[in-house]
Amino acid sequence: MKRDEIIKLEAYLKKTFQLQTIEVRQRPHKDDSAEVYIGDEFIGIIFRDDEDDDLSYQFQMAILDYDLQ
C-alpha cells in the first residue's frame, strides 16, 4: 500500500474506534496489505482488494482464547 492510503486508513480507524494510539504501518516486501498496531502491540492486518475495479479494504484481527481471560 502507498503511504497516502495508509494515512487515510489510519485516520479512519482512529475516528471509528475513537482510539488515537492506533497506527497503520507498511509491511516489508508486501504491497497489498498493512499492519495495524495499538501502541507496540500488533493487532491485525488490513488487506487491499481492488478486483473488478471496486476498491475496498478488509481488516482482519485474530482474538486468541487466552486474550479473553
N, C-alpha and C. Protein backbone atom coordinates (compact mmCIF):
# COMPACT_ATOMS: atom_id res chain seq x y z
N MET A 1 0.84 -1.17 0.00
CA MET A 1 0.00 0.00 0.00
C MET A 1 0.88 1.24 0.00
N LYS A 2 0.36 2.26 -0.61
CA LYS A 2 1.09 3.52 -0.67
C LYS A 2 0.88 4.31 0.61
N ARG A 3 1.82 5.20 0.90
CA ARG A 3 1.79 5.96 2.15
C ARG A 3 0.50 6.78 2.29
N ASP A 4 0.01 7.38 1.21
CA ASP A 4 -1.22 8.18 1.31
C ASP A 4 -2.42 7.32 1.67
N GLU A 5 -2.47 6.07 1.20
CA GLU A 5 -3.54 5.14 1.57
C GLU A 5 -3.46 4.82 3.06
N ILE A 6 -2.25 4.56 3.53
CA ILE A 6 -2.04 4.21 4.93
C ILE A 6 -2.48 5.36 5.84
N ILE A 7 -2.17 6.57 5.46
CA ILE A 7 -2.56 7.74 6.26
C ILE A 7 -4.09 7.84 6.34
N LYS A 8 -4.76 7.63 5.22
CA LYS A 8 -6.23 7.68 5.21
C LYS A 8 -6.85 6.57 6.05
N LEU A 9 -6.30 5.36 5.93
CA LEU A 9 -6.81 4.24 6.70
C LEU A 9 -6.59 4.46 8.20
N GLU A 10 -5.42 4.96 8.57
CA GLU A 10 -5.14 5.23 9.97
C GLU A 10 -6.11 6.27 10.53
N ALA A 11 -6.36 7.33 9.79
CA ALA A 11 -7.30 8.36 10.24
C ALA A 11 -8.70 7.77 10.40
N TYR A 12 -9.10 6.92 9.47
CA TYR A 12 -10.42 6.28 9.55
C TYR A 12 -10.53 5.41 10.80
N LEU A 13 -9.50 4.58 11.06
CA LEU A 13 -9.54 3.70 12.23
C LEU A 13 -9.54 4.50 13.53
N LYS A 14 -8.75 5.56 13.60
CA LYS A 14 -8.72 6.40 14.80
C LYS A 14 -10.09 6.99 15.08
N LYS A 15 -10.75 7.47 14.04
CA LYS A 15 -12.08 8.07 14.19
C LYS A 15 -13.12 7.00 14.54
N THR A 16 -13.10 5.89 13.82
CA THR A 16 -14.09 4.84 14.02
C THR A 16 -14.01 4.21 15.40
N PHE A 17 -12.79 3.89 15.84
CA PHE A 17 -12.61 3.24 17.13
C PHE A 17 -12.36 4.23 18.27
N GLN A 18 -12.34 5.52 17.95
CA GLN A 18 -12.09 6.58 18.94
C GLN A 18 -10.84 6.23 19.76
N LEU A 19 -9.75 5.95 19.03
CA LEU A 19 -8.51 5.48 19.64
C LEU A 19 -7.32 6.12 18.94
N GLN A 20 -6.73 7.10 19.57
CA GLN A 20 -5.63 7.85 18.95
C GLN A 20 -4.32 7.08 18.90
N THR A 21 -4.20 5.98 19.64
CA THR A 21 -2.94 5.24 19.65
C THR A 21 -2.87 4.16 18.58
N ILE A 22 -3.91 4.03 17.77
CA ILE A 22 -3.89 3.04 16.70
C ILE A 22 -2.99 3.55 15.57
N GLU A 23 -2.23 2.63 14.98
CA GLU A 23 -1.27 3.01 13.94
C GLU A 23 -1.28 1.96 12.83
N VAL A 24 -1.24 2.42 11.60
CA VAL A 24 -1.16 1.54 10.44
C VAL A 24 0.25 1.68 9.86
N ARG A 25 0.91 0.54 9.68
CA ARG A 25 2.30 0.53 9.21
C ARG A 25 2.45 -0.31 7.94
N GLN A 26 3.34 0.15 7.07
CA GLN A 26 3.64 -0.62 5.86
C GLN A 26 4.28 -1.95 6.24
N ARG A 27 4.02 -2.97 5.42
CA ARG A 27 4.63 -4.28 5.62
C ARG A 27 5.83 -4.41 4.70
N PRO A 28 6.93 -4.91 5.22
CA PRO A 28 8.09 -5.12 4.35
C PRO A 28 7.78 -6.17 3.27
N HIS A 29 8.13 -5.86 2.06
CA HIS A 29 8.01 -6.79 0.92
C HIS A 29 6.57 -7.14 0.55
N LYS A 30 5.58 -6.39 1.06
CA LYS A 30 4.18 -6.63 0.69
C LYS A 30 3.57 -5.30 0.28
N ASP A 31 2.86 -5.28 -0.83
CA ASP A 31 2.22 -4.03 -1.25
C ASP A 31 0.70 -4.13 -1.30
N ASP A 32 0.16 -5.26 -0.85
CA ASP A 32 -1.30 -5.44 -0.86
C ASP A 32 -1.92 -5.38 0.53
N SER A 33 -1.10 -5.05 1.54
CA SER A 33 -1.61 -5.05 2.90
C SER A 33 -0.74 -4.18 3.80
N ALA A 34 -1.26 -3.90 5.00
CA ALA A 34 -0.54 -3.12 6.00
C ALA A 34 -0.87 -3.69 7.38
N GLU A 35 0.02 -3.46 8.34
CA GLU A 35 -0.16 -3.96 9.70
C GLU A 35 -0.81 -2.90 10.58
N VAL A 36 -1.61 -3.35 11.54
CA VAL A 36 -2.28 -2.44 12.46
C VAL A 36 -1.76 -2.71 13.87
N TYR A 37 -1.40 -1.64 14.56
CA TYR A 37 -0.87 -1.72 15.92
C TYR A 37 -1.64 -0.79 16.84
N ILE A 38 -1.71 -1.17 18.10
CA ILE A 38 -2.13 -0.27 19.17
C ILE A 38 -0.90 -0.16 20.06
N GLY A 39 -0.31 1.01 20.06
CA GLY A 39 0.98 1.16 20.73
C GLY A 39 1.99 0.26 20.04
N ASP A 40 2.66 -0.59 20.81
CA ASP A 40 3.64 -1.52 20.25
C ASP A 40 3.05 -2.91 19.97
N GLU A 41 1.76 -3.08 20.25
CA GLU A 41 1.14 -4.40 20.10
C GLU A 41 0.48 -4.55 18.73
N PHE A 42 0.92 -5.57 17.99
CA PHE A 42 0.32 -5.91 16.70
C PHE A 42 -1.07 -6.47 16.95
N ILE A 43 -2.08 -5.93 16.22
CA ILE A 43 -3.44 -6.44 16.42
C ILE A 43 -4.08 -7.02 15.16
N GLY A 44 -3.54 -6.70 13.97
CA GLY A 44 -4.17 -7.23 12.77
C GLY A 44 -3.56 -6.71 11.49
N ILE A 45 -4.20 -7.07 10.39
CA ILE A 45 -3.74 -6.70 9.06
C ILE A 45 -4.91 -6.14 8.26
N ILE A 46 -4.62 -5.12 7.48
CA ILE A 46 -5.60 -4.59 6.53
C ILE A 46 -5.16 -5.02 5.13
N PHE A 47 -6.05 -5.68 4.42
CA PHE A 47 -5.78 -6.11 3.05
C PHE A 47 -6.48 -5.19 2.06
N ARG A 48 -5.80 -4.87 0.99
CA ARG A 48 -6.34 -4.03 -0.09
C ARG A 48 -6.93 -4.96 -1.15
N ASP A 49 -8.17 -4.72 -1.55
CA ASP A 49 -8.84 -5.54 -2.56
C ASP A 49 -9.33 -4.62 -3.68
N ASP A 50 -8.68 -4.72 -4.83
CA ASP A 50 -9.08 -3.85 -5.95
C ASP A 50 -9.50 -4.66 -7.17
N GLU A 51 -10.03 -5.85 -6.92
CA GLU A 51 -10.54 -6.67 -8.02
C GLU A 51 -11.82 -6.05 -8.58
N ASP A 52 -12.05 -6.27 -9.83
CA ASP A 52 -13.28 -5.81 -10.50
C ASP A 52 -13.45 -4.30 -10.44
N ASP A 53 -12.35 -3.55 -10.37
CA ASP A 53 -12.38 -2.09 -10.35
C ASP A 53 -13.20 -1.52 -9.20
N ASP A 54 -13.34 -2.28 -8.13
CA ASP A 54 -14.09 -1.84 -6.95
C ASP A 54 -13.16 -1.93 -5.75
N LEU A 55 -12.54 -0.82 -5.36
CA LEU A 55 -11.55 -0.81 -4.28
C LEU A 55 -12.22 -0.90 -2.92
N SER A 56 -11.72 -1.82 -2.09
CA SER A 56 -12.18 -1.95 -0.71
C SER A 56 -11.02 -2.45 0.14
N TYR A 57 -11.21 -2.40 1.45
CA TYR A 57 -10.19 -2.84 2.39
C TYR A 57 -10.83 -3.80 3.38
N GLN A 58 -10.08 -4.81 3.77
CA GLN A 58 -10.57 -5.78 4.76
C GLN A 58 -9.62 -5.79 5.94
N PHE A 59 -10.16 -5.55 7.13
CA PHE A 59 -9.38 -5.58 8.36
C PHE A 59 -9.56 -6.94 9.01
N GLN A 60 -8.46 -7.65 9.25
CA GLN A 60 -8.51 -8.98 9.84
C GLN A 60 -7.75 -8.97 11.17
N MET A 61 -8.46 -9.39 12.23
CA MET A 61 -7.88 -9.40 13.57
C MET A 61 -8.21 -10.73 14.24
N ALA A 62 -7.18 -11.42 14.69
CA ALA A 62 -7.37 -12.67 15.41
C ALA A 62 -7.47 -12.37 16.90
N ILE A 63 -8.41 -13.04 17.57
CA ILE A 63 -8.55 -12.94 19.02
C ILE A 63 -8.32 -14.33 19.59
N LEU A 64 -7.25 -14.46 20.33
CA LEU A 64 -6.91 -15.76 20.91
C LEU A 64 -7.70 -16.00 22.19
N ASP A 65 -7.95 -17.26 22.48
CA ASP A 65 -8.74 -17.64 23.64
C ASP A 65 -8.16 -17.06 24.93
N TYR A 66 -6.84 -17.13 25.09
CA TYR A 66 -6.24 -16.64 26.35
C TYR A 66 -6.31 -15.12 26.47
N ASP A 67 -6.55 -14.41 25.36
CA ASP A 67 -6.75 -12.97 25.43
C ASP A 67 -8.07 -12.60 26.11
N LEU A 68 -9.00 -13.51 26.10
CA LEU A 68 -10.33 -13.24 26.67
C LEU A 68 -10.38 -13.43 28.18
N GLN A 69 -9.35 -13.99 28.75
CA GLN A 69 -9.37 -14.27 30.19
C GLN A 69 -8.85 -13.11 30.99
